[in-house]
Amino acid sequence: MGFKVMQFSVAPWRVLDAGHLNAVHQAVQTRAKLTPLIFDLARESGVTGTPIISPLEYVFPNQGFEGVLDPFMLGDAILVAPMDHPPTRPASGPMARR
C-alpha cells in the first residue's frame, strides 16, 4: 500500500470539463489541508517506526478487519475509503454489517 500522489501528464484545465476540474480542485484543497498532518506523521514515523498509512487491522486489531483491503487509515484518526457512484460491488466486511 503506498501513499497516493497527484501527478498530471497534461495540465488538467486544458483537458477536463468543469465538473471533473472541480473534483481536481477539491482533491488539491483536501491534500493541502492534510499536508501538515502528513508531515507530522512522517516525523513520528521516523522516530517510532509507526506507519503513516496502515490497514484497518493495524489500528483496530482483532475486530474482523483483516480482509478489508480498500479503506485504510491515515495515522490513527482518519479513515480513507474509495467511493464508487454508483457502487460497482457490494460492501463487505465488518463496516458493511453496521
C-alpha atoms as a PDB file:
ATOM      1  CA  MET A   1       0.000   0.000   0.000  1.00  0.00           C
ATOM      2  CA  GLY A   2       1.520   3.320  -0.975  1.00  0.00           C
ATOM      3  CA  PHE A   3       0.536   6.914  -0.459  1.00  0.00           C
ATOM      4  CA  LYS A   4      -1.475   8.144  -3.408  1.00  0.00           C
ATOM      5  CA  VAL A   5       0.121  11.153  -5.104  1.00  0.00           C
ATOM      6  CA  MET A   6      -1.225  13.602  -7.634  1.00  0.00           C
ATOM      7  CA  GLN A   7       0.516  13.683 -10.959  1.00  0.00           C
ATOM      8  CA  PHE A   8      -0.769  15.011 -14.240  1.00  0.00           C
ATOM      9  CA  SER A   9       0.848  14.477 -17.616  1.00  0.00           C
ATOM     10  CA  VAL A  10      -1.283  17.308 -19.052  1.00  0.00           C
ATOM     11  CA  ALA A  11      -2.493  20.434 -17.284  1.00  0.00           C
ATOM     12  CA  PRO A  12      -5.976  19.451 -16.013  1.00  0.00           C
ATOM     13  CA  TRP A  13      -7.572  22.757 -17.013  1.00  0.00           C
ATOM     14  CA  ARG A  14      -6.597  22.055 -20.626  1.00  0.00           C
ATOM     15  CA  VAL A  15      -8.365  18.693 -20.900  1.00  0.00           C
ATOM     16  CA  LEU A  16     -11.077  18.399 -18.244  1.00  0.00           C
ATOM     17  CA  ASP A  17     -14.660  19.571 -18.292  1.00  0.00           C
ATOM     18  CA  ALA A  18     -15.838  21.856 -15.480  1.00  0.00           C
ATOM     19  CA  GLY A  19     -17.188  19.046 -13.296  1.00  0.00           C
ATOM     20  CA  HIS A  20     -14.017  16.992 -13.393  1.00  0.00           C
ATOM     21  CA  LEU A  21     -11.806  20.060 -12.991  1.00  0.00           C
ATOM     22  CA  ASN A  22     -13.802  20.978  -9.877  1.00  0.00           C
ATOM     23  CA  ALA A  23     -13.136  17.494  -8.482  1.00  0.00           C
ATOM     24  CA  VAL A  24      -9.397  18.016  -9.069  1.00  0.00           C
ATOM     25  CA  HIS A  25      -9.539  21.380  -7.268  1.00  0.00           C
ATOM     26  CA  GLN A  26     -11.325  19.765  -4.313  1.00  0.00           C
ATOM     27  CA  ALA A  27      -8.729  16.988  -4.141  1.00  0.00           C
ATOM     28  CA  VAL A  28      -5.879  19.516  -4.195  1.00  0.00           C
ATOM     29  CA  GLN A  29      -7.560  21.524  -1.410  1.00  0.00           C
ATOM     30  CA  THR A  30      -8.006  18.383   0.678  1.00  0.00           C
ATOM     31  CA  ARG A  31      -4.361  17.466   0.198  1.00  0.00           C
ATOM     32  CA  ALA A  32      -3.307  20.997   1.203  1.00  0.00           C
ATOM     33  CA  LYS A  33      -5.362  20.744   4.411  1.00  0.00           C
ATOM     34  CA  LEU A  34      -3.827  17.359   5.255  1.00  0.00           C
ATOM     35  CA  THR A  35      -0.210  18.239   4.422  1.00  0.00           C
ATOM     36  CA  PRO A  36       0.705  19.459   7.953  1.00  0.00           C
ATOM     37  CA  LEU A  37      -0.731  16.262   9.445  1.00  0.00           C
ATOM     38  CA  ILE A  38       1.096  14.100   6.913  1.00  0.00           C
ATOM     39  CA  PHE A  39       4.391  15.844   7.729  1.00  0.00           C
ATOM     40  CA  ASP A  40       3.759  15.327  11.468  1.00  0.00           C
ATOM     41  CA  LEU A  41       3.014  11.650  10.836  1.00  0.00           C
ATOM     42  CA  ALA A  42       6.199  11.335   8.749  1.00  0.00           C
ATOM     43  CA  ARG A  43       8.298  12.837  11.563  1.00  0.00           C
ATOM     44  CA  GLU A  44       6.671  10.499  14.095  1.00  0.00           C
ATOM     45  CA  SER A  45       7.215   7.532  11.788  1.00  0.00           C
ATOM     46  CA  GLY A  46      10.899   8.381  11.521  1.00  0.00           C
ATOM     47  CA  VAL A  47      11.231   8.257  15.310  1.00  0.00           C
ATOM     48  CA  THR A  48       8.864   5.420  16.270  1.00  0.00           C
ATOM     49  CA  GLY A  49       8.512   3.386  13.078  1.00  0.00           C
ATOM     50  CA  THR A  50       4.722   3.772  13.212  1.00  0.00           C
ATOM     51  CA  PRO A  51       3.317   3.669   9.666  1.00  0.00           C
ATOM     52  CA  ILE A  52       1.834   6.832   8.167  1.00  0.00           C
ATOM     53  CA  ILE A  53      -0.886   4.813   6.450  1.00  0.00           C
ATOM     54  CA  SER A  54      -1.963   1.380   7.546  1.00  0.00           C
ATOM     55  CA  PRO A  55      -4.623  -1.262   7.008  1.00  0.00           C
ATOM     56  CA  LEU A  56      -7.609  -1.126   9.342  1.00  0.00           C
ATOM     57  CA  GLU A  57      -6.449  -4.302  11.072  1.00  0.00           C
ATOM     58  CA  TYR A  58      -3.307  -2.475  12.284  1.00  0.00           C
ATOM     59  CA  VAL A  59      -5.305   0.266  14.044  1.00  0.00           C
ATOM     60  CA  PHE A  60      -8.237  -1.947  15.086  1.00  0.00           C
ATOM     61  CA  PRO A  61      -6.708  -5.383  15.761  1.00  0.00           C
ATOM     62  CA  ASN A  62      -8.878  -8.477  16.131  1.00  0.00           C
ATOM     63  CA  GLN A  63     -12.095  -6.703  15.130  1.00  0.00           C
ATOM     64  CA  GLY A  64     -12.637  -8.500  11.828  1.00  0.00           C
ATOM     65  CA  PHE A  65     -10.852  -6.044   9.533  1.00  0.00           C
ATOM     66  CA  GLU A  66      -8.098  -8.394   8.329  1.00  0.00           C
ATOM     67  CA  GLY A  67      -9.848  -8.925   4.990  1.00  0.00           C
ATOM     68  CA  VAL A  68     -10.798  -5.281   4.436  1.00  0.00           C
ATOM     69  CA  LEU A  69      -8.296  -4.048   1.862  1.00  0.00           C
ATOM     70  CA  ASP A  70      -9.607  -0.915   0.117  1.00  0.00           C
ATOM     71  CA  PRO A  71     -10.059   1.517   3.015  1.00  0.00           C
ATOM     72  CA  PHE A  72      -7.006   2.440   5.067  1.00  0.00           C
ATOM     73  CA  MET A  73      -6.097   4.690   7.957  1.00  0.00           C
ATOM     74  CA  LEU A  74      -4.080   7.894   7.715  1.00  0.00           C
ATOM     75  CA  GLY A  75      -2.483   7.968  11.139  1.00  0.00           C
ATOM     76  CA  ASP A  76      -4.865   6.541  13.697  1.00  0.00           C
ATOM     77  CA  ALA A  77      -7.705   9.038  13.277  1.00  0.00           C
ATOM     78  CA  ILE A  78      -8.585   9.440   9.579  1.00  0.00           C
ATOM     79  CA  LEU A  79     -10.313   6.683   7.634  1.00  0.00           C
ATOM     80  CA  VAL A  80      -9.664   6.910   3.881  1.00  0.00           C
ATOM     81  CA  ALA A  81     -12.059   4.889   1.747  1.00  0.00           C
ATOM     82  CA  PRO A  82     -12.708   4.785  -2.002  1.00  0.00           C
ATOM     83  CA  MET A  83     -16.244   5.605  -3.034  1.00  0.00           C
ATOM     84  CA  ASP A  84     -17.964   4.450  -6.196  1.00  0.00           C
ATOM     85  CA  HIS A  85     -21.039   6.231  -7.527  1.00  0.00           C
ATOM     86  CA  PRO A  86     -22.936   4.058  -8.176  1.00  0.00           C
ATOM     87  CA  PRO A  87     -21.209   1.244  -6.268  1.00  0.00           C
ATOM     88  CA  THR A  88     -19.531  -1.290  -8.542  1.00  0.00           C
ATOM     89  CA  ARG A  89     -19.607  -4.024  -5.908  1.00  0.00           C
ATOM     90  CA  PRO A  90     -21.444  -4.663  -2.663  1.00  0.00           C
ATOM     91  CA  ALA A  91     -19.866  -3.548   0.608  1.00  0.00           C
ATOM     92  CA  SER A  92     -18.356  -6.338   2.680  1.00  0.00           C
ATOM     93  CA  GLY A  93     -16.626  -6.782   5.998  1.00  0.00           C
ATOM     94  CA  PRO A  94     -17.440  -5.545   9.499  1.00  0.00           C
ATOM     95  CA  MET A  95     -18.312  -1.994   8.406  1.00  0.00           C
ATOM     96  CA  ALA A  96     -20.946  -3.234   5.934  1.00  0.00           C
ATOM     97  CA  ARG A  97     -22.809  -5.007   8.722  1.00  0.00           C
ATOM     98  CA  ARG A  98     -23.190  -1.877  10.866  1.00  0.00           C
END
